[in-house]
Amino acid sequence: MHYILVSDAISEEGLAPLLEMEDAEIIQKRVDDPEVPLDKIEALLVRSATKVDEELMEKMPSLKIIARAGVGVDNIDVQAATKRGIIVVNAPDGNTISAAEHTFAMMASLMRNIPQAHQSVKNLEWKRNAFVGTELYGKTLGIIGLGRIGSEIAKRAKAFGMSVHVFDPFLTKERAQQMGIISGSLDDVLMNADIITVHTPLTPKTKGLLNEQTLSKTKKGVFLLNCARGGIIDEKALAKFIANGHVAGAALDVFETEPPGENPLFKFDNVIVTPHLGASTKEAQLNVATQVAKEVKMYFEDKPVLNSINLPAMSKDIYEKIRPFHHLAKQIGSMLSQCVKEGVNEISVTYSGSVVDLETTYLTKALLSGFFKNRIDANVNEVNAMLTAKERGVTVGEKISSNTFGYSNCISVMIKGDIRNYSIRGTFIENYGPRIVYINDFNIDFFPDGNLLYIQHIDRPGVIGRVGKILGDHHINIATMQVGRKEVGGEAIMILSCDKPLDDEKVKLLQELDDIVSINQIIL
């Protein structure tokens, strides 16, 4: 049974993908509720209210995935999660439209004094001349950060007849030209924009990005908006520039501390504020909840998650292409771990054929997670697999080769152990599935799944029959058998797929047979 904790308010409609799981218990309580079995929780779903820090993770030793129903993850210690092998996912596009629309609504309200005029009329006043506004048409909008939300705002600004200047170090000239916007440095945006809106994540580099120094570079009479993350604009510096008239007005949906309590900005009539409503639409709340619920469900179905913060993100199309190789890589890693029962110094992975066009680093991490999963007493997955290898002194190499050994794709792995080396090669064949086609100089062909017996023996008549008899005498059915040899009468191997695993007593009986060199029981 998988225990999943939903510690912030998320509708049941949004949780529908998880509620469909028969092997999951969904607990909808605050994380500090004494009735919550913290030691059993494997998945944690949060919004912005729950702070997921290292201390909380220490109390949740079974935690494997944290899902943030929204874009920002500044309430989650991603570094601490990564160290523990905990996947962190978010919903990067579930609230894009809502956030973009709210930003534009705030912009229009700020420029036309709508909240102030609204309150005046409700106070039975009629002061038309007191609320003369400024048109958006013909103005220069400066956007700091052209991600999903910034891009949507740029589209709307163009429709309003605005000129758009953008600062985003990752924006290519080609994309800027396609969008009809002007890309420049931060100083360029600050000096040219009539209105500036920020749309970056909150990081050490962006915290206080608009401060006393940078605000001094803006036009006199500039308008500022922050509907992204509190702290990107230094609130004390902003209050100073509004007080001296340099900044004509500001619209804030987010704050450095939420709720903000007493704030010097609230005394200004030309500052409009909302209580973090950027994603607060019915559509957005449903979208982000459903998106992360699906991610958690995919994780428990052993499928790669699509929107991980600490793993490479991938589209659905790429996921469908990489999925069979992801499974194959994990199976290869697990097989190697169960066969090489000694210290390992180096793991070298070589990709060839069509697989080289995919995210091979992700596949290498999958292979390592399969290798370390049952080898050490810690949660190891694609998130912390490389770190785990480094901590244990295992060198990991990855390369591309043109030699496909006659297959359309290949994943070849060489392990250097304390005593010996070990090599294995796998491929994925369309409409046929994953196959292991080579082990330690033996060509073979078998499906890597279930309860396998990997037996090394001398190629003599009767060996296979004696193995089959012992298994039959103990009511162990052989589903499939594959054999390989180098030469007649020399070294040989057999791979048996059985309906159930063997206990130690039966493995010992097989090991005592004449001509048996070694036996490895592999459970995949």
Protein backbone atom coordinates (compact mmCIF):
# COMPACT_ATOMS: atom_id res chain seq x y z
CA MET A 1 0.00 0.00 0.00
CA HIS A 2 1.33 3.43 -0.97
CA TYR A 3 0.66 6.19 1.57
CA ILE A 4 0.13 9.59 -0.07
CA LEU A 5 -0.23 12.76 2.01
CA VAL A 6 -2.05 15.81 0.62
CA SER A 7 -1.14 18.49 3.14
CA ASP A 8 -2.64 21.56 1.42
CA ALA A 9 -6.13 22.16 0.03
CA ILE A 10 -6.54 20.28 -3.26
CA SER A 11 -9.95 19.33 -4.65
CA GLU A 12 -10.96 15.70 -5.03
CA GLU A 13 -11.54 16.36 -8.73
CA GLY A 14 -7.88 17.29 -9.04
CA LEU A 15 -6.84 14.21 -7.07
CA ALA A 16 -8.90 11.90 -9.30
CA PRO A 17 -5.86 10.12 -10.87
CA LEU A 18 -4.67 9.11 -7.38
CA LEU A 19 -8.10 8.19 -6.08
CA GLU A 20 -8.33 5.65 -8.91
CA MET A 21 -5.30 3.74 -7.55
CA GLU A 22 -6.35 0.59 -5.71
CA ASP A 23 -3.00 0.25 -3.91
CA ALA A 24 -2.88 3.78 -2.47
CA GLU A 25 -4.24 5.39 0.68
CA ILE A 26 -4.80 9.13 0.26
CA ILE A 27 -4.49 11.14 3.50
CA GLN A 28 -5.78 14.73 3.34
CA LYS A 29 -4.43 16.31 6.53
CA ARG A 30 -1.91 18.95 7.51
CA VAL A 31 1.62 17.65 7.69
CA ASP A 32 1.78 18.49 11.41
CA ASP A 33 -1.39 16.56 12.25
CA PRO A 34 -0.45 13.97 14.91
CA GLU A 35 -2.59 11.34 13.16
CA VAL A 36 -0.44 11.43 10.01
CA PRO A 37 1.93 8.39 9.86
CA LEU A 38 4.95 10.40 8.68
CA ASP A 39 7.25 7.37 8.62
CA LYS A 40 5.03 5.64 6.03
CA ILE A 41 4.42 8.55 3.65
CA GLU A 42 5.89 7.89 0.19
CA ALA A 43 4.40 10.86 -1.68
CA LEU A 44 3.69 14.39 -0.48
CA LEU A 45 1.43 16.79 -2.40
CA VAL A 46 1.64 20.46 -1.44
CA ARG A 47 0.78 23.93 -2.63
CA SER A 48 2.57 26.97 -1.18
CA ALA A 49 1.44 26.69 2.46
CA THR A 50 3.51 23.65 3.47
CA LYS A 51 7.23 24.22 3.96
CA VAL A 52 9.11 21.07 2.99
CA ASP A 53 12.53 21.47 4.56
CA GLU A 54 15.30 19.08 5.58
CA GLU A 55 13.82 18.71 9.07
CA LEU A 56 10.51 17.48 7.66
CA MET A 57 12.25 15.08 5.29
CA GLU A 58 14.12 13.58 8.23
CA LYS A 59 10.74 12.70 9.75
CA MET A 60 9.60 11.05 6.49
CA PRO A 61 12.20 8.31 5.77
CA SER A 62 9.94 6.60 3.21
CA LEU A 63 9.34 9.77 1.18
CA LYS A 64 10.10 9.24 -2.51
CA ILE A 65 8.35 12.07 -4.36
CA ILE A 66 7.22 15.62 -3.54
CA ALA A 67 4.64 17.17 -5.85
CA ARG A 68 4.03 20.93 -5.86
CA ALA A 69 0.61 21.82 -7.30
CA GLY A 70 1.92 24.99 -8.92
CA VAL A 71 5.02 26.41 -10.56
CA GLY A 72 7.22 27.76 -7.76
CA VAL A 73 9.10 25.35 -5.50
CA ASP A 74 10.73 27.88 -3.17
CA ASN A 75 8.86 26.28 -0.25
CA ILE A 76 10.72 23.01 -0.96
CA ASP A 77 14.40 22.36 -0.19
CA VAL A 78 15.18 20.80 -3.57
CA GLN A 79 18.86 20.28 -2.72
CA ALA A 80 18.02 18.30 0.42
CA ALA A 81 15.46 16.26 -1.55
CA THR A 82 17.99 15.49 -4.29
CA LYS A 83 20.54 14.31 -1.75
CA ARG A 84 17.98 11.86 -0.38
CA GLY A 85 16.90 10.66 -3.83
CA ILE A 86 13.48 12.29 -3.51
CA ILE A 87 12.00 13.41 -6.81
CA VAL A 88 10.49 16.91 -6.84
CA VAL A 89 7.85 17.62 -9.46
CA ASN A 90 5.72 20.66 -10.19
CA ALA A 91 3.02 21.76 -12.64
CA PRO A 92 4.94 24.17 -14.87
CA ASP A 93 2.16 25.04 -17.28
CA GLY A 94 -1.04 24.30 -15.36
CA ASN A 95 -1.53 27.90 -14.27
CA THR A 96 0.26 29.69 -17.13
CA ILE A 97 -2.84 31.30 -18.62
CA SER A 98 -4.28 32.26 -15.24
CA ALA A 99 -1.03 33.91 -14.14
CA ALA A 100 -0.62 35.74 -17.44
CA GLU A 101 -4.22 37.00 -17.39
CA HIS A 102 -3.90 38.14 -13.77
CA THR A 103 -0.69 40.02 -14.58
CA PHE A 104 -2.38 41.79 -17.47
CA ALA A 105 -5.42 42.57 -15.33
CA MET A 106 -3.12 44.08 -12.69
CA MET A 107 -1.31 46.08 -15.36
CA ALA A 108 -4.53 47.53 -16.76
CA SER A 109 -5.88 48.23 -13.27
CA LEU A 110 -2.65 49.99 -12.28
CA MET A 111 -2.51 52.17 -15.38
CA ARG A 112 -6.20 53.13 -15.23
CA ASN A 113 -6.53 53.46 -11.42
CA ILE A 114 -9.42 51.01 -11.42
CA PRO A 115 -9.26 49.84 -7.75
CA GLN A 116 -9.02 53.43 -6.49
CA ALA A 117 -11.87 54.61 -8.72
CA HIS A 118 -13.97 51.62 -7.68
CA GLN A 119 -13.57 52.40 -3.99
CA SER A 120 -14.28 56.10 -4.59
CA VAL A 121 -17.58 55.38 -6.31
CA LYS A 122 -18.59 52.96 -3.54
CA ASN A 123 -17.89 55.78 -1.10
CA LEU A 124 -20.57 57.77 -3.03
CA GLU A 125 -17.96 60.00 -4.70
CA TRP A 126 -17.74 60.96 -8.38
CA LYS A 127 -14.19 62.24 -8.95
CA ARG A 128 -13.54 61.57 -12.62
CA ASN A 129 -10.62 63.97 -12.85
CA ALA A 130 -8.86 62.31 -9.91
CA PHE A 131 -8.39 59.03 -11.75
CA VAL A 132 -7.02 60.01 -15.13
CA GLY A 133 -5.07 57.01 -16.38
CA THR A 134 -2.41 56.08 -18.92
CA GLU A 135 -2.93 54.01 -22.09
CA LEU A 136 -1.06 50.77 -22.69
CA TYR A 137 -1.00 51.41 -26.43
CA GLY A 138 2.38 52.60 -27.65
CA LYS A 139 4.12 51.97 -24.34
CA THR A 140 7.26 49.88 -23.89
CA LEU A 141 6.75 46.82 -21.71
CA GLY A 142 9.86 45.37 -20.12
CA ILE A 143 9.62 41.66 -19.27
CA ILE A 144 12.27 40.14 -17.04
CA GLY A 145 12.16 36.39 -17.68
CA LEU A 146 10.53 35.00 -20.82
CA GLY A 147 9.33 31.61 -19.67
CA ARG A 148 5.84 30.26 -20.25
CA ILE A 149 4.09 33.11 -18.43
CA GLY A 150 6.37 35.82 -19.78
CA SER A 151 5.76 34.54 -23.31
CA GLU A 152 1.98 34.70 -22.86
CA ILE A 153 2.24 38.25 -21.54
CA ALA A 154 4.39 39.24 -24.54
CA LYS A 155 1.68 37.95 -26.90
CA ARG A 156 -1.00 39.98 -25.12
CA ALA A 157 1.17 43.09 -25.01
CA LYS A 158 1.71 42.88 -28.77
CA ALA A 159 -2.05 42.63 -29.25
CA PHE A 160 -2.42 45.86 -27.20
CA GLY A 161 0.01 47.66 -29.49
CA MET A 162 2.89 47.71 -27.03
CA SER A 163 6.60 47.41 -27.77
CA VAL A 164 8.11 44.52 -25.84
CA HIS A 165 11.69 44.53 -24.51
CA VAL A 166 12.89 41.36 -22.79
CA PHE A 167 15.77 40.37 -20.55
CA ASP A 168 16.29 36.62 -20.51
CA PRO A 169 19.82 35.20 -20.82
CA PHE A 170 18.42 32.01 -22.38
CA LEU A 171 16.38 33.75 -25.09
CA THR A 172 17.76 33.12 -28.58
CA LYS A 173 17.83 35.85 -31.23
CA GLU A 174 15.81 33.61 -33.54
CA ARG A 175 12.98 33.18 -31.03
CA ALA A 176 12.96 36.90 -30.24
CA GLN A 177 12.59 37.67 -33.94
CA GLN A 178 9.80 35.13 -34.32
CA MET A 179 7.89 36.73 -31.44
CA GLY A 180 8.51 40.27 -32.66
CA ILE A 181 10.19 41.36 -29.43
CA ILE A 182 13.50 43.04 -28.58
CA SER A 183 16.02 41.08 -26.53
CA GLY A 184 18.53 42.98 -24.47
CA SER A 185 20.46 43.17 -21.20
CA LEU A 186 18.86 43.90 -17.85
CA ASP A 187 20.12 47.48 -18.06
CA ASP A 188 18.55 47.85 -21.53
CA VAL A 189 15.16 46.82 -20.18
CA LEU A 190 15.45 49.01 -17.09
CA MET A 191 16.37 52.10 -19.09
CA ASN A 192 13.81 51.72 -21.91
CA ALA A 193 10.66 50.29 -20.33
CA ASP A 194 7.61 52.34 -19.30
CA ILE A 195 6.24 49.31 -17.47
CA ILE A 196 8.34 46.47 -16.01
CA THR A 197 6.98 43.06 -15.01
CA VAL A 198 9.07 40.25 -13.50
CA HIS A 199 8.55 36.58 -14.32
CA THR A 200 11.55 34.65 -13.01
CA PRO A 201 11.76 31.99 -10.31
CA LEU A 202 13.02 33.11 -6.90
CA THR A 203 16.66 32.05 -6.65
CA PRO A 204 19.72 33.47 -4.90
CA LYS A 205 20.50 35.29 -8.16
CA THR A 206 17.02 36.79 -8.62
CA LYS A 207 16.31 37.64 -4.97
CA GLY A 208 16.30 41.44 -4.75
CA LEU A 209 16.94 41.69 -8.50
CA LEU A 210 15.10 45.02 -8.54
CA ASN A 211 16.81 46.82 -5.68
CA GLU A 212 17.93 50.36 -4.91
CA GLN A 213 20.79 50.14 -7.41
CA THR A 214 18.83 48.66 -10.31
CA LEU A 215 15.71 50.76 -9.70
CA SER A 216 17.83 53.88 -10.04
CA LYS A 217 18.47 52.89 -13.67
CA THR A 218 14.77 52.90 -14.60
CA LYS A 219 12.88 55.72 -16.28
CA LYS A 220 11.31 58.30 -14.03
CA GLY A 221 7.60 57.51 -13.96
CA VAL A 222 8.03 53.77 -14.51
CA PHE A 223 5.36 51.31 -13.36
CA LEU A 224 6.37 47.98 -11.74
CA LEU A 225 4.56 44.66 -11.44
CA ASN A 226 5.38 41.49 -9.53
CA CYS A 227 2.97 38.60 -9.99
CA ALA A 228 5.76 36.00 -9.91
CA ARG A 229 7.49 35.41 -6.56
CA GLY A 230 7.82 37.66 -3.53
CA GLY A 231 11.35 38.92 -2.97
CA ILE A 232 12.34 39.52 -6.59
CA ILE A 233 11.58 43.21 -5.96
CA ASP A 234 13.14 44.65 -2.81
CA GLU A 235 10.04 46.05 -1.06
CA LYS A 236 11.94 48.59 1.05
CA ALA A 237 13.74 49.96 -2.02
CA LEU A 238 10.45 50.06 -3.95
CA ALA A 239 8.77 52.04 -1.13
CA LYS A 240 11.63 54.56 -1.23
CA PHE A 241 11.34 55.06 -5.02
CA ILE A 242 7.55 55.41 -4.84
CA ALA A 243 7.87 57.94 -2.03
CA ASN A 244 10.28 60.12 -4.03
CA GLY A 245 8.10 59.90 -7.15
CA HIS A 246 10.59 58.03 -9.35
CA VAL A 247 8.27 54.99 -9.58
CA ALA A 248 4.77 56.08 -10.65
CA GLY A 249 3.01 53.03 -9.25
CA ALA A 250 3.25 49.33 -8.53
CA ALA A 251 1.00 46.26 -8.66
CA LEU A 252 1.94 43.36 -6.40
CA ASP A 253 0.35 39.95 -6.11
CA VAL A 254 3.21 38.42 -4.09
CA PHE A 255 5.32 39.53 -1.13
CA GLU A 256 8.59 38.72 0.60
CA THR A 257 6.58 37.44 3.58
CA GLU A 258 3.09 36.06 3.13
CA PRO A 259 0.76 37.13 4.60
CA PRO A 260 2.67 40.43 4.53
CA GLY A 261 1.20 42.01 7.69
CA GLU A 262 2.14 45.66 8.09
CA ASN A 263 3.95 46.80 4.96
CA PRO A 264 5.24 50.28 4.07
CA LEU A 265 3.93 49.91 0.53
CA PHE A 266 0.32 49.80 1.70
CA LYS A 267 0.24 53.49 2.58
CA PHE A 268 0.61 54.52 -1.07
CA ASP A 269 -2.56 55.07 -3.13
CA ASN A 270 -0.66 54.25 -6.32
CA VAL A 271 0.17 50.72 -5.11
CA ILE A 272 -2.45 48.04 -5.79
CA VAL A 273 -2.21 44.62 -4.20
CA THR A 274 -3.86 41.20 -4.30
CA PRO A 275 -3.34 38.18 -2.00
CA HIS A 276 -1.32 35.89 -4.31
CA LEU A 277 -4.15 35.28 -6.79
CA GLY A 278 -2.10 34.62 -9.93
CA ALA A 279 -3.06 30.95 -10.08
CA SER A 280 -6.37 31.32 -8.28
CA THR A 281 -8.84 30.39 -10.98
CA LYS A 282 -11.01 27.30 -11.00
CA GLU A 283 -9.36 26.15 -14.20
CA ALA A 284 -5.80 26.62 -12.95
CA GLN A 285 -6.37 24.94 -9.60
CA LEU A 286 -7.86 21.91 -11.32
CA ASN A 287 -5.10 21.85 -13.95
CA VAL A 288 -2.16 21.95 -11.52
CA ALA A 289 -3.74 19.44 -9.13
CA THR A 290 -4.53 16.98 -11.92
CA GLN A 291 -1.09 17.42 -13.45
CA VAL A 292 0.88 16.59 -10.29
CA ALA A 293 -1.55 13.82 -9.32
CA LYS A 294 -0.84 12.18 -12.69
CA GLU A 295 2.90 12.60 -12.10
CA VAL A 296 2.70 10.82 -8.73
CA LYS A 297 0.62 8.03 -10.25
CA MET A 298 3.16 7.60 -13.07
CA TYR A 299 5.94 7.36 -10.51
CA PHE A 300 4.21 4.53 -8.64
CA GLU A 301 3.60 2.81 -11.97
CA ASP A 302 7.40 2.91 -12.47
CA LYS A 303 7.16 5.33 -15.39
CA PRO A 304 9.44 8.38 -15.81
CA VAL A 305 7.88 11.59 -14.51
CA LEU A 306 7.61 14.40 -17.03
CA ASN A 307 7.99 17.55 -14.92
CA SER A 308 10.72 16.83 -12.41
CA ILE A 309 12.71 19.73 -10.97
CA ASN A 310 15.74 17.54 -10.24
CA LEU A 311 15.57 15.27 -13.29
CA PRO A 312 15.66 16.16 -16.99
CA ALA A 313 12.23 17.30 -18.15
CA MET A 314 10.81 15.63 -21.24
CA SER A 315 7.78 15.99 -23.46
CA LYS A 316 5.19 13.25 -23.88
CA ASP A 317 6.60 12.43 -27.32
CA ILE A 318 10.13 12.03 -25.96
CA TYR A 319 8.80 10.05 -23.00
CA GLU A 320 7.12 7.55 -25.32
CA LYS A 321 10.39 7.11 -27.20
CA ILE A 322 12.56 6.79 -24.12
CA ARG A 323 10.21 4.62 -22.04
CA PRO A 324 11.26 1.17 -23.37
CA PHE A 325 14.96 2.02 -23.05
CA HIS A 326 14.39 3.40 -19.55
CA HIS A 327 12.92 0.05 -18.50
CA LEU A 328 15.71 -1.88 -20.26
CA ALA A 329 18.42 0.23 -18.58
CA LYS A 330 16.96 -0.36 -15.12
CA GLN A 331 16.71 -4.10 -15.75
CA ILE A 332 20.31 -4.25 -16.93
CA GLY A 333 21.45 -2.38 -13.82
CA SER A 334 19.51 -4.70 -11.54
CA MET A 335 20.87 -7.80 -13.31
CA LEU A 336 24.44 -6.57 -12.94
CA SER A 337 23.96 -5.82 -9.26
CA GLN A 338 22.68 -9.33 -8.59
CA CYS A 339 25.45 -10.99 -10.60
CA VAL A 340 28.46 -8.94 -9.47
CA LYS A 341 28.53 -9.64 -5.74
CA GLU A 342 31.71 -7.75 -5.00
CA GLY A 343 33.07 -4.21 -4.85
CA VAL A 344 32.75 -2.28 -8.11
CA ASN A 345 35.25 0.38 -9.26
CA GLU A 346 33.92 1.42 -12.65
CA ILE A 347 30.72 1.24 -14.69
CA SER A 348 31.03 2.12 -18.37
CA VAL A 349 27.91 2.48 -20.53
CA THR A 350 28.02 2.62 -24.33
CA TYR A 351 25.05 3.57 -26.51
CA SER A 352 24.72 2.83 -30.20
CA GLY A 353 22.05 2.99 -32.88
CA SER A 354 18.77 4.87 -32.53
CA VAL A 355 19.05 5.18 -28.73
CA VAL A 356 21.83 7.78 -29.09
CA ASP A 357 19.24 10.35 -30.19
CA LEU A 358 17.56 10.17 -26.76
CA GLU A 359 18.53 11.57 -23.34
CA THR A 360 21.25 8.98 -22.70
CA THR A 361 22.35 10.59 -19.42
CA TYR A 362 18.86 9.93 -18.06
CA LEU A 363 19.19 6.29 -19.16
CA THR A 364 22.57 6.00 -17.44
CA LYS A 365 21.02 7.29 -14.22
CA ALA A 366 18.21 4.75 -14.62
CA LEU A 367 20.79 1.99 -15.03
CA LEU A 368 22.65 3.14 -11.92
CA SER A 369 19.43 3.33 -9.92
CA GLY A 370 18.70 -0.28 -10.88
CA PHE A 371 22.25 -1.25 -9.91
CA PHE A 372 22.26 0.42 -6.48
CA LYS A 373 18.61 -0.14 -5.57
CA ASN A 374 19.07 -3.38 -3.64
CA ARG A 375 22.79 -2.97 -3.08
CA ILE A 376 22.78 -0.24 -0.43
CA ASP A 377 20.49 0.70 2.43
CA ALA A 378 19.23 3.95 0.91
CA ASN A 379 16.65 5.15 -1.58
CA VAL A 380 18.45 5.37 -4.93
CA ASN A 381 16.80 6.53 -8.13
CA GLU A 382 17.58 8.70 -11.15
CA VAL A 383 17.73 11.78 -8.91
CA ASN A 384 20.70 10.79 -6.76
CA ALA A 385 22.19 7.85 -8.70
CA MET A 386 25.26 9.79 -9.90
CA LEU A 387 25.84 11.21 -6.43
CA THR A 388 25.53 7.71 -4.93
CA ALA A 389 28.14 6.35 -7.35
CA LYS A 390 30.52 9.22 -6.56
CA GLU A 391 30.13 8.78 -2.81
CA ARG A 392 31.04 5.11 -3.17
CA GLY A 393 34.05 5.71 -5.37
CA VAL A 394 32.46 4.22 -8.50
CA THR A 395 33.60 5.90 -11.72
CA VAL A 396 30.79 6.20 -14.26
CA GLY A 397 31.56 6.60 -17.96
CA GLU A 398 29.22 7.15 -20.88
CA LYS A 399 30.03 7.12 -24.58
CA ILE A 400 28.52 6.74 -28.03
CA SER A 401 29.57 4.09 -30.53
CA SER A 402 28.75 3.38 -34.17
CA ASN A 403 28.93 -0.40 -33.61
CA THR A 404 25.37 -1.72 -33.18
CA PHE A 405 26.37 -5.43 -33.36
CA GLY A 406 23.67 -5.95 -35.98
CA TYR A 407 20.83 -4.43 -33.95
CA SER A 408 18.98 -1.16 -34.51
CA ASN A 409 19.99 -0.05 -30.99
CA CYS A 410 22.20 -1.25 -28.15
CA ILE A 411 23.00 -0.47 -24.54
CA SER A 412 26.33 -2.11 -23.63
CA VAL A 413 27.69 -2.08 -20.08
CA MET A 414 31.10 -3.03 -18.75
CA ILE A 415 31.69 -3.32 -15.00
CA LYS A 416 35.14 -3.47 -13.44
CA GLY A 417 34.97 -5.19 -10.07
CA ASP A 418 37.53 -5.92 -7.40
CA ILE A 419 37.92 -9.49 -8.66
CA ARG A 420 36.73 -9.57 -12.28
CA ASN A 421 35.05 -7.67 -15.08
CA TYR A 422 31.50 -8.23 -16.25
CA SER A 423 29.81 -7.21 -19.51
CA ILE A 424 26.26 -7.26 -20.75
CA ARG A 425 24.42 -5.94 -23.80
CA GLY A 426 20.73 -5.27 -24.30
CA THR A 427 18.50 -4.04 -27.08
CA PHE A 428 14.87 -3.10 -27.63
CA ILE A 429 13.15 -4.65 -30.65
CA GLU A 430 9.92 -3.08 -31.86
CA ASN A 431 6.91 -5.37 -31.35
CA TYR A 432 9.18 -7.81 -29.53
CA GLY A 433 10.33 -5.94 -26.44
CA PRO A 434 13.58 -5.64 -24.46
CA ARG A 435 16.15 -8.39 -24.89
CA ILE A 436 19.49 -9.27 -23.33
CA VAL A 437 21.66 -10.44 -26.23
CA TYR A 438 25.13 -10.77 -24.74
CA ILE A 439 26.66 -11.71 -21.36
CA ASN A 440 30.40 -12.08 -20.77
CA ASP A 441 31.38 -13.15 -24.31
CA PHE A 442 28.28 -15.34 -24.71
CA ASN A 443 25.68 -14.50 -27.34
CA ILE A 444 22.22 -15.19 -25.98
CA ASP A 445 18.67 -13.88 -26.33
CA PHE A 446 16.20 -13.63 -23.46
CA PHE A 447 13.54 -11.36 -21.96
CA PRO A 448 14.86 -9.63 -18.81
CA ASP A 449 11.95 -10.02 -16.43
CA GLY A 450 10.60 -12.25 -13.67
CA ASN A 451 12.51 -15.00 -11.82
CA LEU A 452 15.66 -15.90 -13.71
CA LEU A 453 18.40 -18.45 -13.12
CA TYR A 454 21.72 -17.60 -14.75
CA ILE A 455 23.79 -20.79 -14.74
CA GLN A 456 27.38 -21.08 -15.97
CA HIS A 457 28.43 -24.67 -16.73
CA ILE A 458 30.57 -26.95 -18.84
CA ASP A 459 29.00 -27.91 -22.15
CA ARG A 460 28.48 -31.62 -21.61
CA PRO A 461 25.49 -33.86 -22.39
CA GLY A 462 22.97 -34.24 -19.57
CA VAL A 463 23.71 -30.98 -17.68
CA ILE A 464 20.52 -29.27 -18.79
CA GLY A 465 18.51 -32.42 -18.09
CA ARG A 466 19.83 -32.73 -14.54
CA VAL A 467 18.99 -29.09 -13.82
CA GLY A 468 15.48 -29.60 -15.23
CA LYS A 469 14.94 -32.71 -13.13
CA ILE A 470 15.77 -30.99 -9.83
CA LEU A 471 13.44 -28.12 -10.65
CA GLY A 472 10.70 -30.52 -11.72
CA ASP A 473 11.10 -32.66 -8.58
CA HIS A 474 10.50 -29.52 -6.51
CA HIS A 475 7.49 -28.37 -8.56
CA ILE A 476 9.24 -25.36 -10.09
CA ASN A 477 7.99 -24.80 -13.61
CA ILE A 478 10.38 -23.57 -16.29
CA ALA A 479 8.69 -20.95 -18.46
CA THR A 480 11.54 -20.38 -20.94
CA MET A 481 15.14 -21.50 -21.47
CA GLN A 482 17.93 -19.93 -23.49
CA VAL A 483 21.43 -21.38 -23.90
CA GLY A 484 24.74 -20.17 -25.24
CA ARG A 485 28.25 -21.58 -25.65
CA LYS A 486 31.62 -20.61 -27.03
CA GLU A 487 32.65 -24.05 -28.33
CA VAL A 488 31.62 -27.68 -28.07
CA GLY A 489 32.58 -29.07 -24.68
CA GLY A 490 33.75 -25.69 -23.41
CA GLU A 491 32.17 -22.95 -21.31
CA ALA A 492 28.43 -22.51 -21.65
CA ILE A 493 25.54 -20.68 -20.00
CA MET A 494 21.81 -21.21 -19.64
CA ILE A 495 19.16 -18.68 -18.66
CA LEU A 496 16.01 -20.19 -17.16
CA SER A 497 12.83 -18.24 -16.50
CA CYS A 498 10.88 -19.86 -13.65
CA ASP A 499 7.35 -19.31 -12.38
CA LYS A 500 8.64 -18.64 -8.85
CA PRO A 501 11.97 -17.92 -7.17
CA LEU A 502 14.09 -20.68 -5.64
CA ASP A 503 14.95 -20.84 -1.95
CA ASP A 504 18.58 -21.28 -0.83
CA GLU A 505 18.19 -25.04 -0.38
CA LYS A 506 17.21 -25.61 -4.01
CA VAL A 507 19.94 -23.29 -5.30
CA LYS A 508 22.45 -25.34 -3.28
CA LEU A 509 21.17 -28.58 -4.85
CA LEU A 510 21.81 -27.14 -8.30
CA GLN A 511 25.28 -25.90 -7.34
CA GLU A 512 26.24 -29.41 -6.23
CA LEU A 513 25.57 -30.88 -9.68
CA ASP A 514 28.54 -31.99 -11.76
CA ASP A 515 29.76 -29.49 -14.37
CA ILE A 516 27.94 -26.54 -12.77
CA VAL A 517 30.37 -23.62 -12.40
CA SER A 518 28.16 -20.97 -10.82
CA ILE A 519 24.52 -20.00 -10.31
CA ASN A 520 23.03 -16.54 -9.94
CA GLN A 521 19.37 -16.15 -9.12
CA ILE A 522 18.10 -12.88 -10.60
CA ILE A 523 14.73 -11.41 -9.64
CA LEU A 524 13.53 -8.57 -11.87
